[in-house]
Protein backbone atom coordinates (compact mmCIF):
# COMPACT_ATOMS: atom_id res chain seq x y z
CA MET A 1 133.29 -171.01 60.16
CA LEU A 2 136.99 -171.29 60.76
CA TYR A 3 138.60 -174.13 62.70
CA ASP A 4 141.78 -173.25 64.57
CA LEU A 5 144.34 -176.05 64.19
CA SER A 6 146.92 -174.42 66.47
CA ARG A 7 144.98 -175.57 69.56
CA PHE A 8 144.76 -179.12 68.25
CA ARG A 9 148.01 -181.07 68.65
CA GLY A 10 147.21 -184.38 67.00
CA GLY A 11 145.09 -187.48 67.08
CA THR A 12 141.37 -187.23 66.40
CA ASP A 13 138.74 -184.59 67.08
CA ARG A 14 135.02 -184.51 66.35
CA ILE A 15 133.46 -181.47 64.70
CA ASP A 16 129.68 -181.08 64.99
CA ARG A 17 128.44 -177.70 63.83
CA ARG A 18 125.13 -176.21 62.76
CA PHE A 19 125.08 -173.05 60.67
CA GLU A 20 122.15 -170.84 59.78
CA PRO A 21 121.69 -169.91 56.07
CA ASP A 22 122.64 -166.28 56.64
CA ALA A 23 126.12 -167.36 57.83
CA PHE A 24 127.06 -167.94 54.17
CA SER A 25 127.64 -165.16 51.66
CA LEU A 26 126.54 -166.70 48.37
CA LYS A 27 126.17 -163.72 46.09
CA ASP A 28 125.88 -164.55 42.38
CA GLU A 29 125.68 -168.31 42.99
CA GLU A 30 123.31 -170.72 41.25
CA PHE A 31 121.71 -171.78 44.54
CA ARG A 32 120.40 -170.45 47.84
CA ILE A 33 120.52 -172.10 51.26
CA VAL A 34 116.99 -172.34 52.70
CA GLY A 35 117.55 -174.42 55.83
CA PRO A 36 120.15 -174.99 58.49
CA VAL A 37 123.44 -176.54 57.42
CA VAL A 38 124.62 -179.46 59.56
CA LEU A 39 128.28 -180.48 59.46
CA GLY A 40 129.56 -183.60 61.20
CA ALA A 41 133.14 -184.68 60.68
CA ASP A 42 136.09 -186.44 62.24
CA LEU A 43 139.36 -184.57 62.07
CA HIS A 44 142.60 -186.57 62.03
CA LYS A 45 145.88 -184.70 62.36
CA ASP A 46 149.26 -186.26 61.69
CA ALA A 47 152.12 -183.74 61.85
CA ARG A 48 151.06 -181.12 59.29
CA LYS A 49 148.58 -183.27 57.37
CA VAL A 50 144.94 -182.93 58.33
CA ARG A 51 142.24 -185.30 57.12
CA LEU A 52 138.57 -184.42 57.46
CA VAL A 53 136.00 -187.20 56.96
CA GLY A 54 132.31 -186.52 57.41
CA ARG A 55 128.97 -185.38 56.03
CA VAL A 56 127.24 -182.12 55.31
CA ALA A 57 123.45 -181.89 55.11
CA ALA A 58 121.27 -178.96 54.06
CA THR A 59 118.37 -177.91 51.88
CA LEU A 60 119.25 -175.78 48.87
CA GLU A 61 117.01 -173.95 46.45
CA CYS A 62 117.90 -173.46 42.81
CA ASP A 63 116.08 -172.51 39.63
CA CYS A 64 114.91 -175.13 37.14
CA SER A 65 116.89 -175.08 33.90
CA ARG A 66 113.74 -175.39 31.80
CA CYS A 67 110.93 -173.46 33.52
CA LEU A 68 113.02 -171.18 35.78
CA GLU A 69 110.82 -171.98 38.81
CA PRO A 70 112.66 -172.33 42.13
CA PHE A 71 112.67 -175.77 43.73
CA LYS A 72 114.33 -177.38 46.75
CA VAL A 73 117.25 -179.78 46.53
CA PRO A 74 118.07 -181.83 49.64
CA VAL A 75 121.82 -182.33 50.09
CA ASP A 76 123.42 -185.06 52.18
CA ALA A 77 126.99 -185.28 50.94
CA ALA A 78 129.82 -187.38 52.32
CA PHE A 79 133.37 -186.08 51.98
CA ASP A 80 136.92 -187.20 52.67
CA VAL A 81 139.42 -184.38 52.19
CA MET A 82 143.13 -184.19 52.97
CA PHE A 83 144.41 -180.75 53.91
CA LEU A 84 148.05 -179.78 53.54
CA PRO A 85 149.69 -176.52 54.57
CA ALA A 86 149.74 -173.95 51.77
CA GLU A 87 153.33 -173.32 50.77
CA PRO A 88 154.26 -169.76 49.84
CA SER A 89 154.94 -169.49 46.15
CA VAL A 90 158.67 -169.32 45.45
CA ALA A 91 158.39 -168.47 41.77
CA ALA A 92 157.57 -164.95 40.72
CA PRO A 93 154.28 -164.48 38.89
CA PRO A 94 154.62 -164.43 35.09
CA SER A 95 155.18 -161.01 33.59
CA ARG A 96 153.02 -159.60 30.80
CA GLY A 97 153.18 -161.66 27.68
CA GLU A 98 154.53 -164.75 29.46
CA LYS A 99 152.28 -167.74 29.89
CA GLU A 100 151.83 -169.53 33.20
CA GLU A 101 153.13 -173.06 33.19
CA GLU A 102 150.39 -175.63 33.30
CA ALA A 103 150.64 -178.22 36.03
CA GLU A 104 149.24 -181.67 35.52
CA VAL A 105 146.65 -182.69 38.10
CA ARG A 106 147.46 -186.14 39.39
CA GLU A 107 144.86 -188.50 40.81
CA ASP A 108 146.45 -188.09 44.26
CA ASP A 109 145.73 -184.34 44.11
CA LEU A 110 141.97 -184.70 43.62
CA GLY A 111 141.05 -185.05 47.30
CA VAL A 112 143.60 -182.50 48.54
CA SER A 113 142.93 -178.96 49.75
CA PHE A 114 145.17 -176.52 51.52
CA TYR A 115 145.00 -174.63 54.78
CA LYS A 116 146.72 -171.40 55.68
CA ASP A 117 147.83 -169.93 59.00
CA GLU A 118 146.83 -173.05 60.97
CA THR A 119 143.17 -172.46 60.06
CA LEU A 120 140.70 -174.66 58.16
CA ASP A 121 137.93 -172.80 56.34
CA LEU A 122 134.90 -175.01 56.94
CA GLY A 123 132.68 -172.59 55.02
CA GLU A 124 134.68 -173.11 51.83
CA LEU A 125 134.57 -176.89 52.33
CA ILE A 126 130.78 -176.78 52.74
CA ARG A 127 130.34 -174.54 49.71
CA GLU A 128 132.47 -176.92 47.64
CA GLN A 129 130.32 -179.88 48.72
CA PHE A 130 127.18 -178.01 47.68
CA PHE A 131 128.56 -177.45 44.19
CA LEU A 132 129.52 -181.12 43.91
CA ALA A 133 126.06 -182.26 45.08
CA LEU A 134 124.02 -180.07 42.72
CA PRO A 135 122.99 -181.58 39.38
CA MET A 136 124.63 -180.14 36.27
CA LYS A 137 121.21 -179.37 34.81
CA PRO A 138 118.79 -178.86 37.71
CA LEU A 139 115.20 -179.82 36.88
CA CYS A 140 112.18 -179.31 39.13
CA GLN A 141 110.79 -182.63 37.85
CA PRO A 142 112.15 -185.13 35.30
CA ASN A 143 109.39 -184.37 32.77
CA CYS A 144 109.44 -180.56 33.12
CA GLN A 145 107.87 -179.00 30.02
CA GLY A 146 109.73 -175.70 30.34
CA LEU A 147 108.67 -172.33 28.96
CA CYS A 148 106.92 -171.70 25.66
CA PRO A 149 109.51 -170.13 23.33
CA VAL A 150 106.85 -167.91 21.75
CA CYS A 151 104.71 -166.53 24.60
CA GLY A 152 106.83 -167.51 27.62
CA ILE A 153 104.19 -169.26 29.75
CA ASN A 154 105.17 -172.11 32.03
CA ARG A 155 103.97 -175.22 30.18
CA ASN A 156 103.80 -177.18 33.46
CA ARG A 157 100.90 -174.98 34.67
CA GLU A 158 99.21 -173.70 31.51
CA THR A 159 98.76 -174.63 27.88
CA CYS A 160 99.00 -172.30 24.94
CA SER A 161 98.14 -172.49 21.25
CA CYS A 162 101.43 -171.06 20.01
CA ARG A 163 102.97 -172.58 16.94
CA SER A 164 106.26 -174.02 18.04
CA GLU A 165 107.59 -174.82 14.58
CA TRP A 166 111.03 -173.39 14.10
CA VAL A 167 111.76 -171.82 10.71
CA ASP A 168 115.36 -171.41 9.69
CA PRO A 169 115.75 -167.72 8.78
CA ARG A 170 118.43 -168.61 6.20
CA MET A 171 115.81 -170.50 4.18
CA GLU A 172 113.28 -167.64 4.22
CA ALA A 173 114.61 -166.25 0.94
CA LEU A 174 114.01 -169.61 -0.80
CA ARG A 175 110.54 -169.83 0.72
CA ASN A 176 109.70 -166.38 -0.74
CA LEU A 177 110.82 -167.54 -4.22
CA ARG A 178 108.16 -170.26 -4.19
CA LYS A 179 105.46 -167.64 -3.57
């Protein structure tokens, strides 16, 4: 999933790629890729700056935040990313006990990524777009009932007669005094 920039001298190029789900190594991620990933982008190179404008489309599967059931999330994300060459770090890494200096992120830096050794990592770009497209709290349906906190059944499929009243354990001592 690497794009070699050394063969490309400048101007514009079109990238149309299709990747199978097993081309991505997504261990310990919140989602799984369940269909082919389609990338279409225009690459514009001006000296050492590279701009990639396009779309990525795929079908992801993630677990519902309430009922933990897997469900599919279609992704069709547009992106516009500027790539600059990664500069080797001049400063030495901080020694033990020293704190790293914090750098302020400017608005101009938000759409900027870096490439190394004249190579763009399209896989990392696609992975980043997936994270940006996923909802913060994925739900299989807007009115998902979730799991019963007592018996653990999926309330979307079954009903239970569990008492769902929460009792504050700190007040239990006062409740025992009344008895």
